[in-house]
């Protein structure tokens, strides 16, 4: 099986798991439950669950405990997109080739759907405590990583600085801070949680965090590139949105050629570190390299 086929098979497996973990659409609050499902099941690369699952397996994990965390992380990522698309933020009408949640359900329900996904993510991850033969201390450590990387010292912290400085000049160090937290934190979370749940040592988890930090930075710079060079038809969302929202990007600072070189450099360094850590995980290596070739 080639990489593309294997990735499609793994993504299909993730899609099935996400559908399984979603709450049933019933009760007087069913509108928000429908909006949650509309948002979560909109497709996408499912990159974060993929990274978590593959890191878990790389360190010898073979149980089911990873699945609640994989679903929870994708819920957190999805809520961040739902809120990012709101009129108060980026005010986008399309994502993944269909109308955004607030356009379909209204702004208030869009906010509530995001809130609901965030809260339900932790309900979902906490269900791992009920799994037989799982070490509660390991599950608790994974919960700590999930909460920290999604919070004010992780993704939300990066988003705060991004919002405050939209339309304002910023230095390269601040831009790096935003990228590391806003985008990188959840990728770090994915790989770290996978490693923790599989029983990796503290030193190994630290190396995994460094690998993921490089991947996150490369991923965000590639996003900047695609916002300039891509098309709405391929991306499934508007292009030039960074310019519209007066956001400083790596491309604006360095230009396209340097940005492309930086994506290649960061991805290459991440792959070398991965090979040192686990030289035979070819799928995870190819997944990292696919970031510099993606068109959406």
C-alpha atoms as a PDB file:
ATOM      1  CA  UNK A   1       0.000   0.000   0.000  1.00  0.00           C
ATOM      2  CA  UNK A   2       1.443   3.394  -0.980  1.00  0.00           C
ATOM      3  CA  UNK A   3       1.483   6.461   1.286  1.00  0.00           C
ATOM      4  CA  UNK A   4      -1.600   8.096  -0.222  1.00  0.00           C
ATOM      5  CA  UNK A   5      -3.706   4.956   0.105  1.00  0.00           C
ATOM      6  CA  UNK A   6      -2.509   4.324   3.635  1.00  0.00           C
ATOM      7  CA  UNK A   7      -3.216   7.898   4.648  1.00  0.00           C
ATOM      8  CA  UNK A   8      -6.728   7.717   3.186  1.00  0.00           C
ATOM      9  CA  UNK A   9      -7.364   4.501   5.096  1.00  0.00           C
ATOM     10  CA  UNK A  10      -6.158   6.034   8.359  1.00  0.00           C
ATOM     11  CA  UNK A  11      -8.199   9.215   7.828  1.00  0.00           C
ATOM     12  CA  UNK A  12     -11.314   7.095   7.174  1.00  0.00           C
ATOM     13  CA  UNK A  13     -10.621   5.325  10.462  1.00  0.00           C
ATOM     14  CA  UNK A  14     -10.452   8.702  12.201  1.00  0.00           C
ATOM     15  CA  UNK A  15     -13.698   9.873  10.564  1.00  0.00           C
ATOM     16  CA  UNK A  16     -15.475   6.789  11.909  1.00  0.00           C
ATOM     17  CA  UNK A  17     -14.124   7.438  15.397  1.00  0.00           C
ATOM     18  CA  UNK A  18     -15.209  11.087  15.349  1.00  0.00           C
ATOM     19  CA  UNK A  19     -18.744  10.095  14.355  1.00  0.00           C
ATOM     20  CA  UNK A  20     -18.760   7.511  17.150  1.00  0.00           C
ATOM     21  CA  UNK A  21     -17.740  10.016  19.818  1.00  0.00           C
ATOM     22  CA  UNK A  22     -20.226  12.717  18.822  1.00  0.00           C
ATOM     23  CA  UNK A  23     -23.219  13.101  21.174  1.00  0.00           C
ATOM     24  CA  UNK A  24     -26.635  12.035  19.960  1.00  0.00           C
ATOM     25  CA  UNK A  25     -28.674  14.862  18.428  1.00  0.00           C
ATOM     26  CA  UNK A  26     -31.675  14.992  20.761  1.00  0.00           C
ATOM     27  CA  UNK A  27     -33.341  17.168  23.376  1.00  0.00           C
ATOM     28  CA  UNK A  28     -34.259  20.845  23.328  1.00  0.00           C
ATOM     29  CA  UNK A  29     -30.587  21.720  22.748  1.00  0.00           C
ATOM     30  CA  UNK A  30     -30.423  19.663  19.538  1.00  0.00           C
ATOM     31  CA  UNK A  31     -29.616  22.719  17.386  1.00  0.00           C
ATOM     32  CA  UNK A  32     -26.214  23.133  18.987  1.00  0.00           C
ATOM     33  CA  UNK A  33     -25.635  19.372  18.698  1.00  0.00           C
ATOM     34  CA  UNK A  34     -26.386  19.607  14.970  1.00  0.00           C
ATOM     35  CA  UNK A  35     -24.024  22.574  14.656  1.00  0.00           C
ATOM     36  CA  UNK A  36     -21.297  20.621  16.481  1.00  0.00           C
ATOM     37  CA  UNK A  37     -21.669  17.732  14.048  1.00  0.00           C
ATOM     38  CA  UNK A  38     -21.790  20.070  11.035  1.00  0.00           C
ATOM     39  CA  UNK A  39     -18.519  21.635  12.156  1.00  0.00           C
ATOM     40  CA  UNK A  40     -16.644  18.500  13.217  1.00  0.00           C
ATOM     41  CA  UNK A  41     -17.635  16.337  10.266  1.00  0.00           C
ATOM     42  CA  UNK A  42     -16.761  18.924   7.595  1.00  0.00           C
ATOM     43  CA  UNK A  43     -13.731  16.906   6.543  1.00  0.00           C
ATOM     44  CA  UNK A  44     -10.188  18.207   6.445  1.00  0.00           C
ATOM     45  CA  UNK A  45      -6.743  16.687   6.697  1.00  0.00           C
ATOM     46  CA  UNK A  46      -7.259  15.279  10.227  1.00  0.00           C
ATOM     47  CA  UNK A  47      -3.578  15.998  10.681  1.00  0.00           C
ATOM     48  CA  UNK A  48      -3.584  16.253  14.468  1.00  0.00           C
ATOM     49  CA  UNK A  49      -5.323  12.916  15.143  1.00  0.00           C
ATOM     50  CA  UNK A  50      -3.004  11.340  12.567  1.00  0.00           C
ATOM     51  CA  UNK A  51       0.069  12.646  14.361  1.00  0.00           C
ATOM     52  CA  UNK A  52      -1.275  11.459  17.713  1.00  0.00           C
ATOM     53  CA  UNK A  53      -2.157   7.974  16.507  1.00  0.00           C
ATOM     54  CA  UNK A  54       1.115   7.457  14.645  1.00  0.00           C
ATOM     55  CA  UNK A  55       3.241   8.692  17.537  1.00  0.00           C
ATOM     56  CA  UNK A  56       1.313   6.425  19.901  1.00  0.00           C
ATOM     57  CA  UNK A  57       1.944   3.444  17.642  1.00  0.00           C
ATOM     58  CA  UNK A  58       5.567   4.411  17.063  1.00  0.00           C
ATOM     59  CA  UNK A  59       6.219   4.055  20.807  1.00  0.00           C
ATOM     60  CA  UNK A  60       4.461   0.701  20.929  1.00  0.00           C
ATOM     61  CA  UNK A  61       0.945   1.773  21.902  1.00  0.00           C
ATOM     62  CA  UNK A  62      -1.643  -0.803  20.873  1.00  0.00           C
ATOM     63  CA  UNK A  63      -4.704  -0.076  23.024  1.00  0.00           C
ATOM     64  CA  UNK A  64      -7.877   1.972  22.583  1.00  0.00           C
ATOM     65  CA  UNK A  65      -6.981   4.722  25.065  1.00  0.00           C
ATOM     66  CA  UNK A  66      -5.634   6.973  22.313  1.00  0.00           C
ATOM     67  CA  UNK A  67      -8.993   7.280  20.543  1.00  0.00           C
ATOM     68  CA  UNK A  68     -10.819   9.527  23.052  1.00  0.00           C
ATOM     69  CA  UNK A  69      -7.825  11.854  23.002  1.00  0.00           C
ATOM     70  CA  UNK A  70      -7.587  11.865  19.202  1.00  0.00           C
ATOM     71  CA  UNK A  71     -11.279  12.759  18.941  1.00  0.00           C
ATOM     72  CA  UNK A  72     -10.964  15.368  21.701  1.00  0.00           C
ATOM     73  CA  UNK A  73      -8.050  17.106  20.011  1.00  0.00           C
ATOM     74  CA  UNK A  74      -9.920  17.321  16.714  1.00  0.00           C
ATOM     75  CA  UNK A  75     -12.902  18.805  18.573  1.00  0.00           C
ATOM     76  CA  UNK A  76     -10.608  21.438  20.081  1.00  0.00           C
ATOM     77  CA  UNK A  77      -9.069  22.202  16.698  1.00  0.00           C
ATOM     78  CA  UNK A  78     -12.550  22.445  15.140  1.00  0.00           C
ATOM     79  CA  UNK A  79     -13.879  24.787  17.820  1.00  0.00           C
ATOM     80  CA  UNK A  80     -10.913  27.076  17.189  1.00  0.00           C
ATOM     81  CA  UNK A  81     -11.783  27.195  13.475  1.00  0.00           C
ATOM     82  CA  UNK A  82     -15.466  27.863  14.193  1.00  0.00           C
ATOM     83  CA  UNK A  83     -14.531  30.828  16.378  1.00  0.00           C
ATOM     84  CA  UNK A  84     -11.793  31.960  13.970  1.00  0.00           C
ATOM     85  CA  UNK A  85     -14.389  32.262  11.192  1.00  0.00           C
ATOM     86  CA  UNK A  86     -16.726  34.493  13.239  1.00  0.00           C
ATOM     87  CA  UNK A  87     -17.383  38.110  12.181  1.00  0.00           C
ATOM     88  CA  UNK A  88     -15.466  39.364  15.217  1.00  0.00           C
ATOM     89  CA  UNK A  89     -12.398  37.409  14.097  1.00  0.00           C
ATOM     90  CA  UNK A  90     -11.646  36.632  10.423  1.00  0.00           C
ATOM     91  CA  UNK A  91     -15.262  36.897   9.200  1.00  0.00           C
ATOM     92  CA  UNK A  92     -14.967  34.036   6.700  1.00  0.00           C
ATOM     93  CA  UNK A  93     -18.002  32.617   4.915  1.00  0.00           C
ATOM     94  CA  UNK A  94     -16.431  29.419   3.569  1.00  0.00           C
ATOM     95  CA  UNK A  95     -14.209  26.697   4.956  1.00  0.00           C
ATOM     96  CA  UNK A  96     -13.522  23.271   3.461  1.00  0.00           C
ATOM     97  CA  UNK A  97     -15.611  24.193   0.418  1.00  0.00           C
ATOM     98  CA  UNK A  98     -18.823  24.834   2.346  1.00  0.00           C
ATOM     99  CA  UNK A  99     -20.399  27.600   4.388  1.00  0.00           C
ATOM    100  CA  UNK A 100     -18.960  28.224   7.822  1.00  0.00           C
ATOM    101  CA  UNK A 101     -20.884  27.329  10.953  1.00  0.00           C
ATOM    102  CA  UNK A 102     -21.970  30.845  11.877  1.00  0.00           C
ATOM    103  CA  UNK A 103     -23.251  31.465   8.341  1.00  0.00           C
ATOM    104  CA  UNK A 104     -25.428  28.349   8.491  1.00  0.00           C
ATOM    105  CA  UNK A 105     -26.592  28.527  12.126  1.00  0.00           C
ATOM    106  CA  UNK A 106     -26.207  32.204  12.995  1.00  0.00           C
ATOM    107  CA  UNK A 107     -23.495  34.006  14.915  1.00  0.00           C
ATOM    108  CA  UNK A 108     -24.813  33.213  18.398  1.00  0.00           C
ATOM    109  CA  UNK A 109     -25.138  29.499  17.642  1.00  0.00           C
ATOM    110  CA  UNK A 110     -21.687  29.548  16.041  1.00  0.00           C
ATOM    111  CA  UNK A 111     -20.230  30.821  19.304  1.00  0.00           C
ATOM    112  CA  UNK A 112     -22.163  28.229  21.298  1.00  0.00           C
ATOM    113  CA  UNK A 113     -21.169  25.402  18.938  1.00  0.00           C
ATOM    114  CA  UNK A 114     -17.518  26.294  19.458  1.00  0.00           C
ATOM    115  CA  UNK A 115     -18.011  26.458  23.221  1.00  0.00           C
ATOM    116  CA  UNK A 116     -19.805  23.105  23.161  1.00  0.00           C
ATOM    117  CA  UNK A 117     -17.052  21.412  21.141  1.00  0.00           C
ATOM    118  CA  UNK A 118     -14.395  22.659  23.552  1.00  0.00           C
ATOM    119  CA  UNK A 119     -16.269  21.437  26.615  1.00  0.00           C
ATOM    120  CA  UNK A 120     -17.260  18.135  25.021  1.00  0.00           C
ATOM    121  CA  UNK A 121     -13.654  17.555  24.027  1.00  0.00           C
ATOM    122  CA  UNK A 122     -12.709  17.268  27.689  1.00  0.00           C
ATOM    123  CA  UNK A 123     -15.730  15.074  28.423  1.00  0.00           C
ATOM    124  CA  UNK A 124     -14.530  12.809  25.624  1.00  0.00           C
ATOM    125  CA  UNK A 125     -10.890  12.704  26.749  1.00  0.00           C
ATOM    126  CA  UNK A 126     -11.963  12.076  30.354  1.00  0.00           C
ATOM    127  CA  UNK A 127     -13.799   8.933  29.245  1.00  0.00           C
ATOM    128  CA  UNK A 128     -10.336   7.334  28.968  1.00  0.00           C
ATOM    129  CA  UNK A 129     -10.311   7.102  32.772  1.00  0.00           C
ATOM    130  CA  UNK A 130     -13.108   4.530  32.498  1.00  0.00           C
ATOM    131  CA  UNK A 131     -11.169   2.208  30.216  1.00  0.00           C
ATOM    132  CA  UNK A 132     -10.089  -1.042  31.810  1.00  0.00           C
ATOM    133  CA  UNK A 133      -6.415  -1.654  32.530  1.00  0.00           C
ATOM    134  CA  UNK A 134      -5.420   1.951  31.816  1.00  0.00           C
ATOM    135  CA  UNK A 135      -3.044   3.701  34.218  1.00  0.00           C
ATOM    136  CA  UNK A 136      -4.936   6.706  35.591  1.00  0.00           C
ATOM    137  CA  UNK A 137      -1.654   8.572  36.123  1.00  0.00           C
ATOM    138  CA  UNK A 138      -0.772   8.261  32.432  1.00  0.00           C
ATOM    139  CA  UNK A 139      -4.254   9.363  31.375  1.00  0.00           C
ATOM    140  CA  UNK A 140      -4.020  12.278  33.805  1.00  0.00           C
ATOM    141  CA  UNK A 141      -0.666  13.354  32.363  1.00  0.00           C
ATOM    142  CA  UNK A 142      -2.129  13.251  28.857  1.00  0.00           C
ATOM    143  CA  UNK A 143      -5.048  15.388  30.075  1.00  0.00           C
ATOM    144  CA  UNK A 144      -2.560  17.930  31.456  1.00  0.00           C
ATOM    145  CA  UNK A 145      -0.800  18.178  28.091  1.00  0.00           C
ATOM    146  CA  UNK A 146      -4.128  18.515  26.251  1.00  0.00           C
ATOM    147  CA  UNK A 147      -5.323  21.311  28.528  1.00  0.00           C
ATOM    148  CA  UNK A 148      -2.028  23.218  28.562  1.00  0.00           C
ATOM    149  CA  UNK A 149      -1.445  23.176  24.813  1.00  0.00           C
ATOM    150  CA  UNK A 150      -5.015  24.303  24.104  1.00  0.00           C
ATOM    151  CA  UNK A 151      -5.032  27.084  26.710  1.00  0.00           C
ATOM    152  CA  UNK A 152      -3.659  30.545  27.395  1.00  0.00           C
ATOM    153  CA  UNK A 153      -0.076  29.319  27.306  1.00  0.00           C
ATOM    154  CA  UNK A 154      -0.792  27.432  24.098  1.00  0.00           C
ATOM    155  CA  UNK A 155      -3.196  27.938  21.191  1.00  0.00           C
ATOM    156  CA  UNK A 156      -5.401  30.581  22.817  1.00  0.00           C
ATOM    157  CA  UNK A 157      -2.373  32.609  23.873  1.00  0.00           C
ATOM    158  CA  UNK A 158      -1.155  32.735  20.297  1.00  0.00           C
ATOM    159  CA  UNK A 159      -4.601  33.704  19.056  1.00  0.00           C
ATOM    160  CA  UNK A 160      -4.786  36.554  21.581  1.00  0.00           C
ATOM    161  CA  UNK A 161      -1.564  38.144  20.341  1.00  0.00           C
ATOM    162  CA  UNK A 162      -2.622  37.584  16.725  1.00  0.00           C
ATOM    163  CA  UNK A 163      -5.927  39.412  17.315  1.00  0.00           C
ATOM    164  CA  UNK A 164      -4.373  42.259  19.292  1.00  0.00           C
ATOM    165  CA  UNK A 165      -1.739  42.960  16.641  1.00  0.00           C
ATOM    166  CA  UNK A 166      -3.881  42.601  13.506  1.00  0.00           C
ATOM    167  CA  UNK A 167      -3.233  45.642  11.352  1.00  0.00           C
ATOM    168  CA  UNK A 168      -0.247  46.647  13.484  1.00  0.00           C
ATOM    169  CA  UNK A 169       3.472  46.309  12.916  1.00  0.00           C
ATOM    170  CA  UNK A 170       5.199  43.457  14.693  1.00  0.00           C
ATOM    171  CA  UNK A 171       8.730  42.134  14.813  1.00  0.00           C
ATOM    172  CA  UNK A 172       9.802  38.689  13.676  1.00  0.00           C
ATOM    173  CA  UNK A 173      10.139  37.430  17.241  1.00  0.00           C
ATOM    174  CA  UNK A 174       6.475  38.226  17.937  1.00  0.00           C
ATOM    175  CA  UNK A 175       5.386  36.557  14.716  1.00  0.00           C
ATOM    176  CA  UNK A 176       7.365  33.478  15.742  1.00  0.00           C
ATOM    177  CA  UNK A 177       5.589  33.505  19.126  1.00  0.00           C
ATOM    178  CA  UNK A 178       2.179  33.611  17.447  1.00  0.00           C
ATOM    179  CA  UNK A 179       3.006  30.759  15.088  1.00  0.00           C
ATOM    180  CA  UNK A 180       4.494  28.581  17.827  1.00  0.00           C
ATOM    181  CA  UNK A 181       1.394  28.917  19.984  1.00  0.00           C
ATOM    182  CA  UNK A 182      -1.511  29.451  17.613  1.00  0.00           C
ATOM    183  CA  UNK A 183      -0.593  26.634  15.216  1.00  0.00           C
ATOM    184  CA  UNK A 184       2.277  24.710  16.735  1.00  0.00           C
ATOM    185  CA  UNK A 185       0.793  24.066  20.172  1.00  0.00           C
ATOM    186  CA  UNK A 186      -1.901  21.639  18.998  1.00  0.00           C
ATOM    187  CA  UNK A 187       0.552  19.721  16.807  1.00  0.00           C
ATOM    188  CA  UNK A 188       2.888  19.488  19.790  1.00  0.00           C
ATOM    189  CA  UNK A 189      -0.091  18.319  21.832  1.00  0.00           C
ATOM    190  CA  UNK A 190      -0.928  15.612  19.298  1.00  0.00           C
ATOM    191  CA  UNK A 191       2.504  14.038  19.257  1.00  0.00           C
ATOM    192  CA  UNK A 192       3.174  14.491  22.980  1.00  0.00           C
ATOM    193  CA  UNK A 193      -0.125  12.916  24.034  1.00  0.00           C
ATOM    194  CA  UNK A 194       0.520   9.994  21.701  1.00  0.00           C
ATOM    195  CA  UNK A 195       3.953   9.488  23.253  1.00  0.00           C
ATOM    196  CA  UNK A 196       2.706   9.875  26.840  1.00  0.00           C
ATOM    197  CA  UNK A 197      -0.144   7.382  26.384  1.00  0.00           C
ATOM    198  CA  UNK A 198       2.254   4.838  24.889  1.00  0.00           C
ATOM    199  CA  UNK A 199       4.567   5.064  27.895  1.00  0.00           C
ATOM    200  CA  UNK A 200       7.440   7.066  26.378  1.00  0.00           C
ATOM    201  CA  UNK A 201      10.033   8.471  28.760  1.00  0.00           C
ATOM    202  CA  UNK A 202      10.100  12.154  29.739  1.00  0.00           C
ATOM    203  CA  UNK A 203      13.203  12.607  27.577  1.00  0.00           C
ATOM    204  CA  UNK A 204      11.486  11.034  24.566  1.00  0.00           C
ATOM    205  CA  UNK A 205       8.397  13.200  25.064  1.00  0.00           C
ATOM    206  CA  UNK A 206      10.654  16.275  25.112  1.00  0.00           C
ATOM    207  CA  UNK A 207      12.254  15.265  21.803  1.00  0.00           C
ATOM    208  CA  UNK A 208       8.801  14.662  20.322  1.00  0.00           C
ATOM    209  CA  UNK A 209       7.760  18.161  21.420  1.00  0.00           C
ATOM    210  CA  UNK A 210      10.774  19.645  19.598  1.00  0.00           C
ATOM    211  CA  UNK A 211       9.973  17.693  16.432  1.00  0.00           C
ATOM    212  CA  UNK A 212       6.361  18.835  16.555  1.00  0.00           C
ATOM    213  CA  UNK A 213       7.393  22.462  17.112  1.00  0.00           C
ATOM    214  CA  UNK A 214       9.322  22.409  13.833  1.00  0.00           C
ATOM    215  CA  UNK A 215       6.404  20.721  12.072  1.00  0.00           C
ATOM    216  CA  UNK A 216       3.974  23.331  13.396  1.00  0.00           C
ATOM    217  CA  UNK A 217       6.131  26.218  12.240  1.00  0.00           C
ATOM    218  CA  UNK A 218       6.581  24.672   8.789  1.00  0.00           C
ATOM    219  CA  UNK A 219       2.863  24.014   8.553  1.00  0.00           C
ATOM    220  CA  UNK A 220       1.935  27.630   9.352  1.00  0.00           C
ATOM    221  CA  UNK A 221       4.476  29.113   6.943  1.00  0.00           C
ATOM    222  CA  UNK A 222       3.114  26.809   4.234  1.00  0.00           C
ATOM    223  CA  UNK A 223      -0.359  28.143   5.072  1.00  0.00           C
ATOM    224  CA  UNK A 224       0.977  31.662   4.489  1.00  0.00           C
ATOM    225  CA  UNK A 225       2.365  30.584   1.131  1.00  0.00           C
ATOM    226  CA  UNK A 226      -0.891  28.961   0.050  1.00  0.00           C
ATOM    227  CA  UNK A 227      -2.883  32.028   1.073  1.00  0.00           C
ATOM    228  CA  UNK A 228      -0.912  33.910  -1.582  1.00  0.00           C
ATOM    229  CA  UNK A 229      -0.418  31.239  -4.258  1.00  0.00           C
ATOM    230  CA  UNK A 230      -3.462  28.973  -3.847  1.00  0.00           C
ATOM    231  CA  UNK A 231      -6.978  29.206  -5.245  1.00  0.00           C
ATOM    232  CA  UNK A 232     -10.316  29.109  -3.367  1.00  0.00           C
ATOM    233  CA  UNK A 233     -11.333  26.064  -5.418  1.00  0.00           C
ATOM    234  CA  UNK A 234      -8.363  24.016  -4.199  1.00  0.00           C
ATOM    235  CA  UNK A 235      -8.109  25.419  -0.680  1.00  0.00           C
ATOM    236  CA  UNK A 236     -11.835  25.298   0.030  1.00  0.00           C
ATOM    237  CA  UNK A 237     -11.684  28.782   1.614  1.00  0.00           C
ATOM    238  CA  UNK A 238     -10.938  32.345   0.477  1.00  0.00           C
ATOM    239  CA  UNK A 239      -7.367  33.257  -0.462  1.00  0.00           C
ATOM    240  CA  UNK A 240      -5.572  36.493   0.472  1.00  0.00           C
ATOM    241  CA  UNK A 241      -7.463  36.484   3.775  1.00  0.00           C
ATOM    242  CA  UNK A 242      -4.294  37.487   5.636  1.00  0.00           C
ATOM    243  CA  UNK A 243      -4.027  40.618   3.501  1.00  0.00           C
ATOM    244  CA  UNK A 244      -7.742  41.330   3.944  1.00  0.00           C
ATOM    245  CA  UNK A 245      -7.415  41.048   7.723  1.00  0.00           C
ATOM    246  CA  UNK A 246      -4.186  43.088   7.722  1.00  0.00           C
ATOM    247  CA  UNK A 247      -2.162  40.261   9.263  1.00  0.00           C
ATOM    248  CA  UNK A 248       1.608  40.146   9.178  1.00  0.00           C
ATOM    249  CA  UNK A 249       2.890  36.830   7.802  1.00  0.00           C
ATOM    250  CA  UNK A 250       6.222  35.123   7.218  1.00  0.00           C
ATOM    251  CA  UNK A 251       5.734  35.605   3.475  1.00  0.00           C
ATOM    252  CA  UNK A 252       5.255  39.344   3.975  1.00  0.00           C
ATOM    253  CA  UNK A 253       8.485  39.489   5.983  1.00  0.00           C
ATOM    254  CA  UNK A 254      10.717  37.257   3.905  1.00  0.00           C
ATOM    255  CA  UNK A 255       9.096  36.737   0.505  1.00  0.00           C
ATOM    256  CA  UNK A 256       7.905  33.513  -1.134  1.00  0.00           C
ATOM    257  CA  UNK A 257      11.293  32.019  -1.981  1.00  0.00           C
ATOM    258  CA  UNK A 258      12.687  32.356   1.538  1.00  0.00           C
ATOM    259  CA  UNK A 259       9.409  31.111   3.015  1.00  0.00           C
ATOM    260  CA  UNK A 260       9.519  27.987   0.841  1.00  0.00           C
ATOM    261  CA  UNK A 261      13.107  27.378   1.853  1.00  0.00           C
ATOM    262  CA  UNK A 262      12.224  27.696   5.526  1.00  0.00           C
ATOM    263  CA  UNK A 263       9.406  25.148   5.194  1.00  0.00           C
ATOM    264  CA  UNK A 264      11.846  22.702   3.594  1.00  0.00           C
ATOM    265  CA  UNK A 265      14.507  23.349   6.243  1.00  0.00           C
ATOM    266  CA  UNK A 266      12.168  22.908   9.216  1.00  0.00           C
ATOM    267  CA  UNK A 267      10.547  19.799   7.760  1.00  0.00           C
ATOM    268  CA  UNK A 268      13.945  18.290   6.982  1.00  0.00           C
ATOM    269  CA  UNK A 269      15.211  18.915  10.511  1.00  0.00           C
ATOM    270  CA  UNK A 270      12.048  17.364  11.958  1.00  0.00           C
ATOM    271  CA  UNK A 271      12.536  14.257   9.814  1.00  0.00           C
ATOM    272  CA  UNK A 272      16.169  13.891  10.892  1.00  0.00           C
ATOM    273  CA  UNK A 273      15.172  14.105  14.557  1.00  0.00           C
ATOM    274  CA  UNK A 274      12.442  11.547  13.955  1.00  0.00           C
ATOM    275  CA  UNK A 275      14.910   9.167  12.316  1.00  0.00           C
ATOM    276  CA  UNK A 276      17.218   9.463  15.307  1.00  0.00           C
ATOM    277  CA  UNK A 277      14.298   8.698  17.604  1.00  0.00           C
ATOM    278  CA  UNK A 278      12.723   5.875  15.604  1.00  0.00           C
ATOM    279  CA  UNK A 279      14.432   5.099  12.280  1.00  0.00           C
ATOM    280  CA  UNK A 280      11.790   2.717  10.865  1.00  0.00           C
ATOM    281  CA  UNK A 281       8.560   4.742  11.092  1.00  0.00           C
ATOM    282  CA  UNK A 282       8.272   5.479   7.389  1.00  0.00           C
ATOM    283  CA  UNK A 283       4.609   6.561   7.416  1.00  0.00           C
ATOM    284  CA  UNK A 284       5.146   9.267  10.021  1.00  0.00           C
ATOM    285  CA  UNK A 285       8.222  10.448   8.126  1.00  0.00           C
ATOM    286  CA  UNK A 286       6.266  10.666   4.879  1.00  0.00           C
ATOM    287  CA  UNK A 287       3.481  12.477   6.701  1.00  0.00           C
ATOM    288  CA  UNK A 288       5.968  15.134   7.827  1.00  0.00           C
ATOM    289  CA  UNK A 289       7.393  15.494   4.327  1.00  0.00           C
ATOM    290  CA  UNK A 290       3.925  15.777   2.799  1.00  0.00           C
ATOM    291  CA  UNK A 291       3.531  19.131   4.553  1.00  0.00           C
ATOM    292  CA  UNK A 292       5.949  20.821   2.156  1.00  0.00           C
ATOM    293  CA  UNK A 293       4.174  19.407  -0.893  1.00  0.00           C
ATOM    294  CA  UNK A 294       0.559  20.113   0.076  1.00  0.00           C
ATOM    295  CA  UNK A 295      -1.613  22.410  -1.984  1.00  0.00           C
ATOM    296  CA  UNK A 296      -4.368  22.903   0.588  1.00  0.00           C
END
